[in-house]
Amino acid sequence: MIGAILIGGDSRRMGVNKANIELNGISLLDRSIAILKPEVEDLFIIGKEDDIYNGIGAIGGLHSAIIKANGKAIFVLACDYPGINSGFIRFMKAEYQQSYDMVLPQWEGNIQTLCGVYGPGMLSLIESQIKSKDYKIKNLIKKCRVKLVRFSKKHEFYSDSLLINMNTPADYEQFKTKD
């Protein structure tokens, strides 16, 4: 399985580039690399410059990542999930089967679309959705075979901050108190 870290967001709510935000002296990007790299065959960093559609949001980065995976399943991780750990990544990879298009975590009732496994067959589905000018990954889910995975304290890798998505300064402060 290939890995891709997405760093191309606008960070409008955060006000600064999230990839460069530091927790305990380590940037979110470096933290993501350290966690994901040992768990995948190859790792790509996907930024705005990789998005051939430029300006359509996360679906453009996801499209670029799947192209770079070159026909293999891919673990996609946005850099703003600082609570992710290697146990979580191994668990999600183990949940993936070719009969699924996606394996995504569900956290506090929300599907986390930028922290999971995407199968190689997703490329045509994403391209079709982009052609129809629908750039919401949540709408893509409705067209796919998705396995949703829920987590609880029974999982050895669980933490209260496992799937906190850091989008605002308040999220950053919340994570700092849990890290």
Foldseek 3Di string as FASTA:
>chain_A
DEEEEEQADPLVQAPDRQQQDDDPRAGLVRLVCVFCVVVHPYYYYFYQVQQPVHPLPPLSSVLSVLVVVPQAKYFFAYSQQNQAHNLVVVVQVVPDDPQWQWEFEADPNRTDPRGGIGGSVCNVLSVVCVVVVNSDVVVSVVVTRYHYDYDDPVRPSDFPSNGQGDRHVVSVVVVNVRD
